[in-house]
């Protein structure tokens, strides 16, 4: 840990202090553990040092709030969910920048979890129970379990006795670990991250279903941002593994790096949305075009 701080002291200096340009604003939600504010400060300093301009992380509770900031010009970049990314916008207001690489691939899963002492072994066992969703614009925390219900001809209000949104994957794990909910849907990356840093809560949960793999929550930029700034941010993120401090930060994120991938990476999520919409075109929990 001491080495970490020494590296930051020597390799990160406020070279952007004399830059009179406004800071670059980068939106985040619980796609990572945003309660780790010290780490976020270190990461923003690193990005600012590399880009020669101050970078500020803008934290919001929900994906919808981050998307609204992108739409209104309140931020330039954001780490959002694949479901948020594939939703229709008229006119289009954002574009894919880069995708995190996790355990060798730009992919992750949705985990359906229950309490470790729960008798439930399958998703169908949760019918009539209390279920925690993470965010209404989350693929792993909402869309995937919704697709499981759709396949059974069910909706949340008919399948579960009660549902609620935590707006934070870590809090979904917490809710299940404390038996506030009988089950929940979470991002595999967050659950695995918590298993390392918060095993006190993950060890009280058990995974009963793992989804197919999906494109990892991407980093996007708002259309209209200076192309030089866009290219510099992309290059900075995708080259983090090439210097000591970047490697340390990636290790703290439990990511291999960031990489350039085609928009088709998110086609499985698009297909899932279309399947749900065909089954119920007026589904009250899906955003309208």
Protein backbone atom coordinates (compact mmCIF):
# COMPACT_ATOMS: atom_id res chain seq x y z
CA UNK A 1 0.00 0.00 0.00
CA UNK A 2 2.85 2.39 0.83
CA UNK A 3 4.38 1.66 -2.58
CA UNK A 4 1.07 2.64 -4.17
CA UNK A 5 1.10 6.09 -2.59
CA UNK A 6 4.80 6.65 -3.29
CA UNK A 7 4.25 5.89 -6.94
CA UNK A 8 1.41 8.35 -7.05
CA UNK A 9 3.51 11.04 -5.41
CA UNK A 10 6.41 10.62 -7.83
CA UNK A 11 4.55 9.78 -11.03
CA UNK A 12 1.52 12.05 -10.68
CA UNK A 13 1.99 15.78 -10.39
CA UNK A 14 -0.53 18.57 -11.05
CA UNK A 15 0.92 19.49 -14.44
CA UNK A 16 -2.56 20.56 -15.53
CA UNK A 17 -2.73 23.26 -12.85
CA UNK A 18 -1.81 26.02 -15.28
CA UNK A 19 -4.32 24.80 -17.89
CA UNK A 20 -7.18 27.30 -18.02
CA UNK A 21 -9.53 24.92 -19.85
CA UNK A 22 -12.52 23.66 -17.83
CA UNK A 23 -12.12 20.18 -16.34
CA UNK A 24 -13.08 17.07 -18.25
CA UNK A 25 -16.12 15.58 -16.52
CA UNK A 26 -16.50 11.80 -16.29
CA UNK A 27 -19.77 10.31 -15.01
CA UNK A 28 -19.87 7.23 -12.78
CA UNK A 29 -22.46 5.18 -10.92
CA UNK A 30 -22.13 1.90 -9.05
CA UNK A 31 -20.56 0.26 -12.09
CA UNK A 32 -17.56 0.35 -9.79
CA UNK A 33 -17.51 0.70 -6.02
CA UNK A 34 -17.94 4.45 -5.88
CA UNK A 35 -17.70 4.49 -2.10
CA UNK A 36 -13.93 4.12 -2.61
CA UNK A 37 -13.50 7.86 -3.01
CA UNK A 38 -9.76 7.80 -2.31
CA UNK A 39 -9.20 5.48 -5.24
CA UNK A 40 -11.36 7.62 -7.53
CA UNK A 41 -9.32 10.66 -6.57
CA UNK A 42 -6.11 8.80 -7.45
CA UNK A 43 -7.53 7.64 -10.77
CA UNK A 44 -8.73 11.14 -11.70
CA UNK A 45 -5.25 12.52 -10.88
CA UNK A 46 -3.67 9.89 -13.09
CA UNK A 47 -5.97 10.69 -16.01
CA UNK A 48 -5.41 14.42 -15.51
CA UNK A 49 -1.65 13.98 -15.45
CA UNK A 50 -1.69 11.93 -18.65
CA UNK A 51 -4.07 14.28 -20.45
CA UNK A 52 -2.58 17.54 -19.22
CA UNK A 53 -5.97 18.71 -18.07
CA UNK A 54 -7.95 18.23 -14.89
CA UNK A 55 -10.37 15.29 -14.90
CA UNK A 56 -13.29 15.22 -12.47
CA UNK A 57 -15.44 12.19 -11.68
CA UNK A 58 -19.11 13.10 -11.35
CA UNK A 59 -20.95 10.56 -9.19
CA UNK A 60 -24.65 9.87 -9.50
CA UNK A 61 -26.91 7.24 -7.95
CA UNK A 62 -28.55 5.88 -11.08
CA UNK A 63 -27.70 5.26 -14.72
CA UNK A 64 -30.62 7.47 -15.70
CA UNK A 65 -29.07 10.45 -13.89
CA UNK A 66 -25.76 9.88 -15.68
CA UNK A 67 -27.51 9.54 -19.04
CA UNK A 68 -29.38 12.79 -18.39
CA UNK A 69 -26.05 14.53 -17.72
CA UNK A 70 -24.71 13.22 -21.03
CA UNK A 71 -27.82 14.39 -22.86
CA UNK A 72 -27.68 17.86 -21.30
CA UNK A 73 -23.94 18.36 -21.81
CA UNK A 74 -23.19 18.17 -18.10
CA UNK A 75 -20.44 15.58 -18.63
CA UNK A 76 -18.21 14.55 -21.50
CA UNK A 77 -17.55 10.88 -20.69
CA UNK A 78 -19.29 8.20 -18.65
CA UNK A 79 -18.99 4.57 -17.60
CA UNK A 80 -22.49 3.24 -18.15
CA UNK A 81 -24.27 -0.10 -18.54
CA UNK A 82 -24.71 -2.02 -21.76
CA UNK A 83 -28.49 -1.73 -21.43
CA UNK A 84 -28.24 2.05 -21.09
CA UNK A 85 -25.96 2.10 -24.11
CA UNK A 86 -28.28 0.18 -26.47
CA UNK A 87 -31.42 2.16 -25.66
CA UNK A 88 -32.83 4.30 -28.46
CA UNK A 89 -32.02 8.02 -28.38
CA UNK A 90 -33.44 10.48 -30.90
CA UNK A 91 -31.21 12.09 -31.92
CA UNK A 92 -28.28 9.90 -30.88
CA UNK A 93 -26.22 11.73 -28.25
CA UNK A 94 -23.35 9.39 -27.40
CA UNK A 95 -20.84 6.99 -28.90
CA UNK A 96 -18.78 4.04 -27.73
CA UNK A 97 -15.26 4.99 -26.57
CA UNK A 98 -13.67 1.90 -25.04
CA UNK A 99 -14.60 -1.27 -23.16
CA UNK A 100 -13.02 -2.69 -20.00
CA UNK A 101 -11.29 -6.06 -20.34
CA UNK A 102 -12.16 -8.38 -17.47
CA UNK A 103 -10.50 -11.75 -16.98
CA UNK A 104 -9.18 -11.72 -20.51
CA UNK A 105 -12.33 -10.61 -22.36
CA UNK A 106 -14.64 -7.57 -22.68
CA UNK A 107 -17.47 -9.58 -21.13
CA UNK A 108 -19.25 -10.28 -17.87
CA UNK A 109 -22.37 -12.03 -16.54
CA UNK A 110 -25.45 -11.45 -14.46
CA UNK A 111 -25.57 -13.45 -11.24
CA UNK A 112 -28.86 -14.43 -9.63
CA UNK A 113 -28.05 -14.76 -5.93
CA UNK A 114 -29.82 -15.95 -2.78
CA UNK A 115 -28.83 -16.14 0.88
CA UNK A 116 -26.30 -18.89 1.50
CA UNK A 117 -28.77 -20.70 3.78
CA UNK A 118 -31.63 -20.36 1.31
CA UNK A 119 -33.32 -23.56 0.10
CA UNK A 120 -33.78 -22.03 -3.37
CA UNK A 121 -31.70 -23.63 -6.12
CA UNK A 122 -33.28 -22.27 -9.31
CA UNK A 123 -34.65 -18.93 -10.45
CA UNK A 124 -38.13 -20.47 -10.61
CA UNK A 125 -37.88 -21.19 -6.87
CA UNK A 126 -38.04 -17.44 -6.27
CA UNK A 127 -41.63 -17.16 -7.51
CA UNK A 128 -43.71 -15.46 -4.85
CA UNK A 129 -40.63 -14.17 -3.04
CA UNK A 130 -39.03 -10.75 -2.47
CA UNK A 131 -36.46 -9.80 -5.12
CA UNK A 132 -33.90 -6.98 -5.32
CA UNK A 133 -33.12 -5.42 -8.70
CA UNK A 134 -30.08 -3.17 -8.98
CA UNK A 135 -31.11 -0.41 -11.42
CA UNK A 136 -33.93 -0.17 -13.99
CA UNK A 137 -31.33 0.67 -16.67
CA UNK A 138 -28.99 -2.17 -15.69
CA UNK A 139 -28.52 -5.19 -17.93
CA UNK A 140 -27.27 -7.58 -15.25
CA UNK A 141 -29.32 -6.08 -12.44
CA UNK A 142 -32.67 -5.82 -14.21
CA UNK A 143 -32.90 -6.69 -17.91
CA UNK A 144 -31.56 -10.24 -17.63
CA UNK A 145 -33.90 -11.36 -14.81
CA UNK A 146 -36.73 -9.64 -16.68
CA UNK A 147 -35.91 -11.82 -19.69
CA UNK A 148 -36.11 -14.94 -17.50
CA UNK A 149 -39.61 -13.94 -16.41
CA UNK A 150 -40.65 -13.09 -19.96
CA UNK A 151 -39.62 -16.58 -21.07
CA UNK A 152 -42.10 -17.93 -18.51
CA UNK A 153 -44.86 -15.56 -19.59
CA UNK A 154 -44.50 -13.63 -16.36
CA UNK A 155 -43.84 -10.06 -15.21
CA UNK A 156 -42.20 -8.87 -11.98
CA UNK A 157 -45.58 -8.01 -10.49
CA UNK A 158 -46.94 -11.51 -11.18
CA UNK A 159 -43.79 -13.55 -10.57
CA UNK A 160 -42.57 -11.94 -7.33
CA UNK A 161 -44.48 -11.03 -4.20
CA UNK A 162 -42.47 -7.82 -3.90
CA UNK A 163 -39.57 -6.13 -5.71
CA UNK A 164 -37.40 -3.09 -5.12
CA UNK A 165 -34.41 -1.32 -6.66
CA UNK A 166 -31.22 -0.76 -4.68
CA UNK A 167 -29.52 1.39 -7.39
CA UNK A 168 -26.21 -0.19 -6.36
CA UNK A 169 -25.00 -3.73 -7.05
CA UNK A 170 -23.13 -3.82 -3.75
CA UNK A 171 -26.33 -2.91 -1.90
CA UNK A 172 -28.18 -5.68 -3.73
CA UNK A 173 -25.62 -8.15 -2.41
CA UNK A 174 -26.01 -6.58 1.03
CA UNK A 175 -29.81 -6.87 0.87
CA UNK A 176 -29.63 -10.58 0.05
CA UNK A 177 -26.90 -11.23 2.62
CA UNK A 178 -29.09 -9.64 5.31
CA UNK A 179 -32.20 -11.46 4.01
CA UNK A 180 -34.00 -8.22 3.26
CA UNK A 181 -34.59 -9.86 -0.11
CA UNK A 182 -34.89 -13.56 -0.91
CA UNK A 183 -32.94 -13.09 -4.12
CA UNK A 184 -31.28 -10.48 -6.27
CA UNK A 185 -29.63 -9.83 -9.63
CA UNK A 186 -26.12 -8.41 -9.71
CA UNK A 187 -23.17 -7.70 -11.97
CA UNK A 188 -20.68 -10.58 -11.82
CA UNK A 189 -17.77 -8.13 -11.85
CA UNK A 190 -19.10 -6.35 -8.77
CA UNK A 191 -19.89 -9.60 -6.93
CA UNK A 192 -16.41 -10.95 -7.64
CA UNK A 193 -14.86 -7.60 -6.64
CA UNK A 194 -16.78 -7.72 -3.36
CA UNK A 195 -15.69 -11.32 -2.82
CA UNK A 196 -12.14 -9.94 -2.56
CA UNK A 197 -12.73 -6.71 -0.68
CA UNK A 198 -16.00 -7.43 1.18
CA UNK A 199 -16.13 -11.21 1.68
CA UNK A 200 -18.16 -10.64 4.83
CA UNK A 201 -21.23 -10.04 2.66
CA UNK A 202 -20.58 -12.24 -0.40
CA UNK A 203 -19.95 -15.32 1.77
CA UNK A 204 -23.53 -14.94 3.01
CA UNK A 205 -24.84 -15.26 -0.55
CA UNK A 206 -24.92 -18.07 -3.08
CA UNK A 207 -25.08 -17.90 -6.88
CA UNK A 208 -27.92 -20.00 -8.28
CA UNK A 209 -27.84 -18.88 -11.93
CA UNK A 210 -25.23 -17.39 -14.22
CA UNK A 211 -26.34 -15.65 -17.40
CA UNK A 212 -24.72 -16.01 -20.80
CA UNK A 213 -21.87 -13.54 -21.26
CA UNK A 214 -22.65 -9.96 -22.29
CA UNK A 215 -20.58 -7.02 -23.46
CA UNK A 216 -18.96 -5.41 -20.42
CA UNK A 217 -20.40 -2.03 -19.29
CA UNK A 218 -18.74 0.42 -21.69
CA UNK A 219 -17.21 3.86 -21.46
CA UNK A 220 -18.89 6.32 -23.81
CA UNK A 221 -18.50 9.95 -24.83
CA UNK A 222 -21.00 12.64 -25.66
CA UNK A 223 -21.23 13.58 -29.32
CA UNK A 224 -19.87 17.07 -29.79
CA UNK A 225 -16.87 16.68 -27.50
CA UNK A 226 -13.64 17.87 -29.12
CA UNK A 227 -12.24 14.91 -31.14
CA UNK A 228 -8.74 15.56 -29.78
CA UNK A 229 -10.07 15.20 -26.23
CA UNK A 230 -11.93 12.02 -27.19
CA UNK A 231 -8.86 10.47 -28.78
CA UNK A 232 -6.64 11.46 -25.86
CA UNK A 233 -9.04 9.93 -23.30
CA UNK A 234 -9.27 6.74 -25.37
CA UNK A 235 -5.50 6.48 -25.72
CA UNK A 236 -4.96 7.23 -22.02
CA UNK A 237 -7.37 4.53 -20.86
CA UNK A 238 -6.22 1.93 -23.36
CA UNK A 239 -2.54 2.47 -22.51
CA UNK A 240 -2.91 2.24 -18.72
CA UNK A 241 -1.22 -1.15 -18.73
CA UNK A 242 1.93 0.34 -20.21
CA UNK A 243 3.16 2.21 -17.12
CA UNK A 244 3.63 1.28 -13.48
CA UNK A 245 0.98 3.57 -12.00
CA UNK A 246 -1.58 2.58 -14.61
CA UNK A 247 -0.98 -1.08 -13.84
CA UNK A 248 -1.48 -0.44 -10.13
CA UNK A 249 -4.77 1.35 -10.79
CA UNK A 250 -5.97 -1.42 -13.10
CA UNK A 251 -5.07 -3.98 -10.43
CA UNK A 252 -7.16 -2.02 -7.93
CA UNK A 253 -10.05 -2.08 -10.41
CA UNK A 254 -9.46 -5.82 -10.98
CA UNK A 255 -9.39 -5.16 -14.72
CA UNK A 256 -6.88 -6.28 -17.35
CA UNK A 257 -7.21 -3.00 -19.20
CA UNK A 258 -9.41 -1.19 -21.72
CA UNK A 259 -9.71 -1.99 -25.42
CA UNK A 260 -11.30 -1.04 -28.72
CA UNK A 261 -14.26 -3.25 -29.65
CA UNK A 262 -17.07 -3.18 -32.15
CA UNK A 263 -20.53 -1.98 -31.22
CA UNK A 264 -21.71 -5.51 -32.09
CA UNK A 265 -20.35 -6.57 -28.69
CA UNK A 266 -23.72 -5.47 -27.29
CA UNK A 267 -25.94 -7.32 -29.76
CA UNK A 268 -26.93 -9.95 -27.17
CA UNK A 269 -28.36 -7.20 -25.00
CA UNK A 270 -30.20 -5.68 -27.97
CA UNK A 271 -31.66 -9.10 -28.80
CA UNK A 272 -32.86 -9.54 -25.23
CA UNK A 273 -34.62 -6.14 -25.31
CA UNK A 274 -36.36 -7.05 -28.59
CA UNK A 275 -37.52 -10.40 -27.21
CA UNK A 276 -39.07 -8.72 -24.18
CA UNK A 277 -40.69 -6.02 -26.32
CA UNK A 278 -42.18 -8.61 -28.70
CA UNK A 279 -43.68 -10.47 -25.77
CA UNK A 280 -45.12 -7.29 -24.26
CA UNK A 281 -44.83 -4.16 -26.46
CA UNK A 282 -46.28 -1.98 -23.68
CA UNK A 283 -44.08 -3.30 -20.90
CA UNK A 284 -44.24 -0.61 -18.20
CA UNK A 285 -40.67 -1.18 -17.02
CA UNK A 286 -38.97 -0.79 -20.41
CA UNK A 287 -38.12 2.74 -21.64
CA UNK A 288 -40.14 3.99 -24.58
CA UNK A 289 -38.56 5.28 -27.78
